[in-house]
Protein backbone atom coordinates (compact mmCIF):
# COMPACT_ATOMS: atom_id res chain seq x y z
CA MET A 1 10.62 -42.70 -23.32
CA LEU A 2 10.34 -40.77 -19.96
CA ILE A 3 14.04 -40.31 -18.61
CA ALA A 4 13.52 -37.91 -15.76
CA VAL A 5 10.95 -36.24 -13.61
CA ARG A 6 12.02 -33.66 -10.86
CA GLN A 7 9.60 -32.01 -8.68
CA SER A 8 10.17 -28.63 -6.63
CA ASP A 9 8.22 -27.39 -3.80
CA ASN A 10 8.02 -23.68 -3.23
CA THR A 11 6.32 -21.75 -0.37
CA ARG A 12 4.80 -19.26 -2.82
CA THR A 13 3.79 -21.50 -5.65
CA GLY A 14 3.54 -24.94 -4.29
CA ALA A 15 4.84 -27.76 -6.71
CA THR A 16 6.61 -27.46 -9.95
CA SER A 17 7.60 -30.33 -12.03
CA HIS A 18 10.33 -30.77 -14.60
CA VAL A 19 9.87 -33.67 -16.98
CA GLU A 20 12.15 -34.99 -19.70
CA PHE A 21 11.18 -37.35 -22.70
CA GLU A 22 13.74 -38.77 -25.05
CA GLY A 23 13.12 -40.47 -28.45
CA SER A 24 13.01 -39.80 -32.23
CA HIS A 25 12.19 -36.58 -33.55
CA VAL A 26 8.67 -37.60 -34.67
CA GLU A 27 8.04 -39.21 -31.04
CA CYS A 28 9.32 -36.03 -29.53
CA LEU A 29 6.99 -33.90 -31.53
CA GLU A 30 4.01 -36.08 -30.48
CA LYS A 31 5.18 -35.81 -26.85
CA GLN A 32 5.42 -31.92 -27.24
CA ALA A 33 2.02 -31.74 -28.65
CA TRP A 34 0.55 -33.72 -25.61
CA LEU A 35 2.58 -31.78 -23.03
CA THR A 36 1.25 -28.65 -24.50
CA THR A 37 -2.25 -29.66 -23.55
CA LEU A 38 -1.14 -29.84 -19.87
CA GLY A 39 -0.40 -26.12 -19.60
CA PRO A 40 3.31 -26.06 -19.07
CA SER A 41 5.04 -22.91 -18.10
CA GLU A 42 8.14 -23.79 -20.25
CA LEU A 43 8.46 -26.21 -23.09
CA ASP A 44 11.72 -27.09 -25.03
CA LEU A 45 12.57 -29.42 -27.96
CA TYR A 46 16.26 -30.05 -28.91
CA SER A 47 18.36 -32.51 -30.46
CA VAL A 48 20.90 -34.51 -28.19
CA GLY A 49 22.85 -36.20 -31.17
CA ASN A 50 22.89 -39.67 -32.60
CA GLY A 51 19.62 -39.23 -34.00
CA TYR A 52 17.77 -38.70 -30.77
CA TRP A 53 15.67 -35.75 -29.64
CA ARG A 54 14.70 -34.47 -26.16
CA VAL A 55 11.58 -32.70 -25.03
CA THR A 56 11.49 -31.03 -21.58
CA ALA A 57 8.56 -29.32 -19.88
CA THR A 58 8.13 -27.38 -16.70
CA LEU A 59 4.60 -27.73 -15.21
CA PRO A 60 3.16 -25.59 -12.51
CA TYR A 61 1.86 -28.46 -10.37
CA GLY A 62 2.92 -32.10 -9.50
CA PHE A 63 3.21 -34.29 -12.54
CA ASP A 64 1.68 -37.72 -13.06
CA GLY A 65 -0.12 -37.89 -9.71
CA GLN A 66 2.81 -36.36 -7.60
CA THR A 67 1.48 -33.72 -5.23
CA THR A 68 3.33 -30.89 -3.48
CA ASN A 69 4.56 -31.69 0.03
CA PHE A 70 2.79 -28.68 1.25
CA PRO A 71 -0.88 -29.41 2.30
CA GLU A 72 -1.78 -26.22 0.45
CA VAL A 73 -0.06 -23.28 -1.35
CA PRO A 74 0.60 -20.75 1.38
CA ASN A 75 -0.81 -17.31 0.74
CA ILE A 76 1.57 -14.50 1.31
CA HIS A 77 1.06 -11.67 3.71
CA GLU A 78 3.44 -8.78 3.59
CA LEU A 79 3.47 -5.37 5.50
CA GLN A 80 5.50 -2.62 3.93
CA VAL A 81 6.25 0.61 5.70
CA ASN A 82 6.30 3.69 3.42
CA VAL A 83 8.18 6.95 4.45
CA GLY A 84 7.29 10.31 2.91
CA GLN A 85 8.23 13.95 3.28
CA LEU A 86 4.82 15.91 3.59
CA ASN A 87 4.15 19.55 3.99
CA VAL A 88 4.32 20.62 7.68
CA TRP A 89 0.96 22.14 7.35
CA ARG A 90 -0.66 18.79 6.78
CA SER A 91 0.80 17.27 10.06
CA PRO A 92 -1.62 14.96 12.01
CA LYS A 93 0.03 16.16 15.13
CA LEU A 94 -0.15 19.83 14.53
CA ARG A 95 -4.09 19.38 14.13
CA THR A 96 -4.14 17.99 17.53
CA LEU A 97 -2.80 21.31 18.92
CA LEU A 98 -4.25 23.89 16.63
CA THR A 99 -7.74 24.12 14.62
CA SER A 100 -7.61 24.34 10.91
CA LYS A 101 -8.35 28.04 10.92
CA GLN A 102 -5.49 28.70 13.52
CA ILE A 103 -3.03 26.82 11.28
CA GLY A 104 -4.28 29.05 8.22
CA ILE A 105 -3.59 31.91 10.30
CA VAL A 106 0.08 30.94 11.04
CA GLN A 107 0.57 30.22 7.35
CA ARG A 108 -0.79 33.55 6.10
CA VAL A 109 1.49 35.50 8.48
CA VAL A 110 4.41 33.41 7.49
CA ASN A 111 3.68 34.20 3.78
CA ASP A 112 3.20 37.89 4.60
CA TYR A 113 6.60 37.93 6.71
CA ARG A 114 8.36 36.43 3.82
CA ASN A 115 6.88 38.73 1.36
CA GLY A 116 8.33 41.83 3.39
CA GLU A 117 4.89 42.74 4.61
CA TYR A 118 6.60 43.15 8.17
CA GLN A 119 9.20 45.75 8.60
CA ASP A 120 11.38 46.94 11.64
CA ASN A 121 9.79 50.23 13.30
CA GLU A 122 12.70 52.32 14.15
CA GLU A 123 10.37 54.75 16.12
CA THR A 124 9.06 52.04 18.41
CA LEU A 125 12.10 49.69 18.20
CA GLU A 126 9.85 46.90 17.19
CA THR A 127 11.22 44.22 15.00
CA ALA A 128 9.43 42.67 12.02
CA GLU A 129 9.62 39.44 13.83
CA GLY A 130 8.03 40.72 16.86
CA LEU A 131 5.29 42.44 14.93
CA ALA A 132 4.64 39.09 13.03
CA GLU A 133 4.40 37.31 16.29
CA VAL A 134 2.03 39.80 17.90
CA ASP A 135 -0.10 39.33 14.87
CA VAL A 136 -0.18 35.61 15.31
CA GLU A 137 -0.93 35.72 18.96
CA GLY A 138 -3.81 38.32 18.24
CA LEU A 139 -5.44 36.65 15.43
CA ILE A 140 -5.45 33.12 17.21
CA GLU A 141 -7.04 34.89 20.27
CA ASP A 142 -9.69 36.41 18.08
CA THR A 143 -10.73 33.07 16.83
CA GLU A 144 -12.01 32.27 20.32
CA ASP A 145 -11.87 28.36 19.73
CA SER A 146 -9.41 25.75 20.35
CA VAL A 147 -8.94 22.04 19.85
CA ALA A 148 -10.71 19.84 22.42
CA GLY A 149 -8.67 19.68 25.68
CA ARG A 150 -6.63 22.67 24.75
CA THR A 151 -7.12 26.44 25.70
CA ASN A 152 -6.79 29.38 23.51
CA ILE A 153 -3.83 30.51 25.38
CA GLN A 154 -2.09 27.20 24.62
CA ALA A 155 -3.09 27.75 21.02
CA GLN A 156 -1.51 31.17 20.90
CA ALA A 157 1.80 29.78 22.24
CA ASP A 158 1.86 26.91 19.81
CA GLY A 159 1.00 29.18 16.95
CA VAL A 160 3.82 31.56 17.73
CA ASN A 161 6.35 28.54 17.97
CA LEU A 162 5.00 27.21 14.79
CA PHE A 163 5.43 30.67 12.96
CA ARG A 164 9.10 30.71 14.33
CA ALA A 165 9.93 27.22 13.17
CA VAL A 166 8.67 27.80 9.68
CA ALA A 167 9.67 31.45 9.16
CA TYR A 168 12.99 31.48 10.96
CA ILE A 169 14.26 28.02 10.73
CA GLY A 170 12.89 27.04 7.36
CA VAL A 171 10.94 23.95 8.60
CA GLU A 172 8.86 22.92 5.60
CA ASP A 173 8.25 19.21 5.82
CA PHE A 174 7.83 16.46 8.32
CA ILE A 175 8.25 12.63 7.91
CA GLU A 176 5.34 10.45 7.82
CA GLU A 177 5.06 6.76 7.91
CA THR A 178 2.12 4.68 6.50
CA ASN A 179 1.47 1.14 5.94
CA THR A 180 0.79 -0.99 2.63
CA TYR A 181 -0.37 -4.36 3.25
CA ARG A 182 0.33 -6.77 0.38
CA ARG A 183 -1.62 -9.97 -0.29
CA THR A 184 -0.29 -12.69 -2.89
CA ILE A 185 -2.72 -15.34 -3.60
CA THR A 186 -1.92 -18.45 -5.77
CA ALA A 187 -5.34 -19.35 -7.22
CA ALA A 188 -6.32 -22.62 -8.65
CA THR A 189 -9.83 -21.60 -9.90
CA PRO A 190 -11.41 -18.67 -11.78
CA GLU A 191 -13.60 -18.07 -8.90
CA GLN A 192 -10.71 -17.49 -6.57
CA VAL A 193 -9.28 -14.83 -9.03
CA ARG A 194 -12.52 -13.08 -9.35
CA ALA A 195 -12.94 -12.84 -5.48
CA THR A 196 -9.77 -10.89 -5.34
CA PHE A 197 -11.66 -7.97 -7.05
CA GLU A 198 -14.04 -7.66 -4.16
CA GLY A 199 -14.25 -4.01 -3.05
CA GLN A 200 -11.18 -2.92 -5.16
CA GLY A 201 -10.91 0.84 -5.24
CA LYS A 202 -13.00 1.27 -2.09
CA ILE A 203 -12.25 2.12 1.49
CA TRP A 204 -12.12 -0.77 4.05
CA THR A 205 -11.86 -0.49 7.84
CA THR A 206 -9.04 -2.48 9.71
CA PRO A 207 -11.61 -5.23 11.03
CA GLU A 208 -12.94 -5.78 7.51
CA VAL A 209 -9.47 -6.37 6.00
CA THR A 210 -8.61 -8.53 8.71
CA ALA A 211 -11.70 -10.68 8.49
CA TYR A 212 -11.67 -10.77 4.62
CA GLU A 213 -7.93 -11.73 4.31
CA GLY A 214 -7.95 -14.05 7.22
CA LEU A 215 -5.20 -12.28 9.24
CA ALA A 216 -4.78 -14.09 12.53
CA VAL A 217 -5.49 -11.66 15.42
CA ASP A 218 -2.55 -13.16 17.24
CA GLY A 219 -0.13 -13.35 14.29
CA TRP A 220 3.05 -12.12 13.53
CA PHE A 221 1.84 -8.56 12.80
CA GLN A 222 -1.62 -6.67 13.15
CA LEU A 223 -2.87 -3.67 11.03
CA PRO A 224 -3.33 -0.46 13.04
CA ALA A 225 -6.90 -0.92 14.57
CA SER A 226 -8.24 2.57 13.75
CA SER A 227 -6.84 2.99 10.27
CA LEU A 228 -8.72 3.08 6.87
CA TRP A 229 -7.39 1.23 3.86
CA ARG A 230 -7.93 1.81 0.11
CA LYS A 231 -7.78 -1.63 -1.81
CA SER A 232 -5.90 -1.52 -5.07
CA ARG A 233 -6.97 -3.30 -8.31
CA PRO A 234 -5.68 -6.94 -8.29
CA GLU A 235 -2.72 -7.60 -10.53
CA VAL A 236 -2.19 -11.04 -12.26
CA VAL A 237 1.57 -11.42 -12.12
CA ALA A 238 1.71 -15.14 -13.30
CA ALA A 239 -0.67 -17.59 -15.03
CA ALA A 240 0.33 -21.01 -15.93
CA GLY A 241 -1.78 -24.01 -16.42
CA GLN A 242 -3.81 -24.69 -13.38
CA LYS A 243 -2.39 -21.78 -11.21
CA THR A 244 -2.76 -18.07 -11.23
CA GLN A 245 -0.96 -15.80 -8.94
CA VAL A 246 -2.61 -12.40 -7.95
CA VAL A 247 -1.20 -9.52 -6.04
CA TYR A 248 -3.05 -6.60 -4.59
CA THR A 249 -2.54 -4.04 -1.82
CA TYR A 250 -4.32 -2.17 0.92
CA THR A 251 -2.73 1.32 1.37
CA GLU A 252 -3.39 3.09 4.90
CA CYS A 253 -5.20 6.28 4.49
CA ALA A 254 -4.97 9.02 7.19
CA THR A 255 -8.39 10.44 6.20
CA ALA A 256 -10.68 9.37 3.29
CA LEU A 257 -13.27 11.68 1.62
CA GLY A 258 -16.72 10.53 0.70
CA LEU A 259 -16.56 13.02 -2.25
CA ILE A 260 -13.65 10.98 -3.70
CA TYR A 261 -14.15 7.45 -2.31
CA ASP A 262 -16.73 4.86 -1.66
CA ALA A 263 -16.80 2.91 1.42
CA HIS A 264 -16.68 -0.94 0.96
CA GLY A 265 -18.51 -1.78 4.23
CA SER A 266 -18.78 0.37 7.34
CA ALA A 267 -16.09 2.76 6.86
CA THR A 268 -16.90 6.44 7.72
CA LEU A 269 -15.85 8.88 5.12
CA LEU A 270 -15.36 12.64 5.60
CA TYR A 271 -17.81 14.98 3.68
CA PRO A 272 -19.87 12.37 1.85
CA PRO A 273 -21.90 13.52 -1.14
CA SER A 274 -25.24 15.32 -0.40
CA ALA A 275 -28.24 13.06 -0.46
C-alpha cells in the first residue's frame, strides 16, 4: 500500500520525490525490486513491527506523473575570484613600464648586489647602493628601447626604483587576482553530458565562453572582455536515475602559449608551434 509521497523542488536539481510503501515482507520485497528499476538515489527496507514492513525510496524526479514546479532545472553560473602571491618579476603592470630585457637587467643587478658584487669605495666615497643604481641606469640606457608610449629616460628611473624596492625593501611578490567561472549543469540525456566535454583543455576567448554557456550580456556578471580562458575537464558529481550533474570550470589566463595549449576557436596564442 502506498502510504506517502513527498516532493521537494530544488533550484539546483529540480524535483526529488520521497515515496513510502507498507505491507508484508513479501510485498515490500516485490515493491523494492520494482522501485530499483526506477533509478532511485536512495532505497530502504525495514520492519515497522506487528508483521508489517516498509520500503522507502528517494527518486531524482517527480514520481507518478508529478513534475517539478520549475519549468526546467536551472543551470548554475558561478564566478570565483582567486587571489595569489606571484613573483614581482612577473607583474603585468611592470611589463607596461619596462621591457623584458630591462626587467632582466634589474633582476641581474639585484642578484649581484645581494651576492656582494658591489662594495663601498672609500677612495671615491661611492656606496655599494649608488654603484648598483648607476649600473641599472647605464645598462637600461644601453638597451636603447622602451615600452610603447614610454621613453628610455622613464625606463631608467623606473628601473632604479624597482631595484630599490627589491634590493632595499625586500619586495618579492605582488597580489594578483584571476577569475574562475564555474558551470554546473543538471543533464537529463547522455547527449547533454557529452556536450560538456566540448573544447576541454583548450583556450577560449570571452565571447566564445559567453556564447557557448549562454551567459546573458546584461546579466548579473560579465566575464572580462579581453581575457582568455582554459576549460577544465568536466566532472560528474552526481548521477541518479534520469539526472546527471556535471561541473566544469573556465580559468582565466593572463597569457597562453601555443607551445603548451591549443586554441578552441579564435584565441590568439603566443609562440605557436612552427609550421
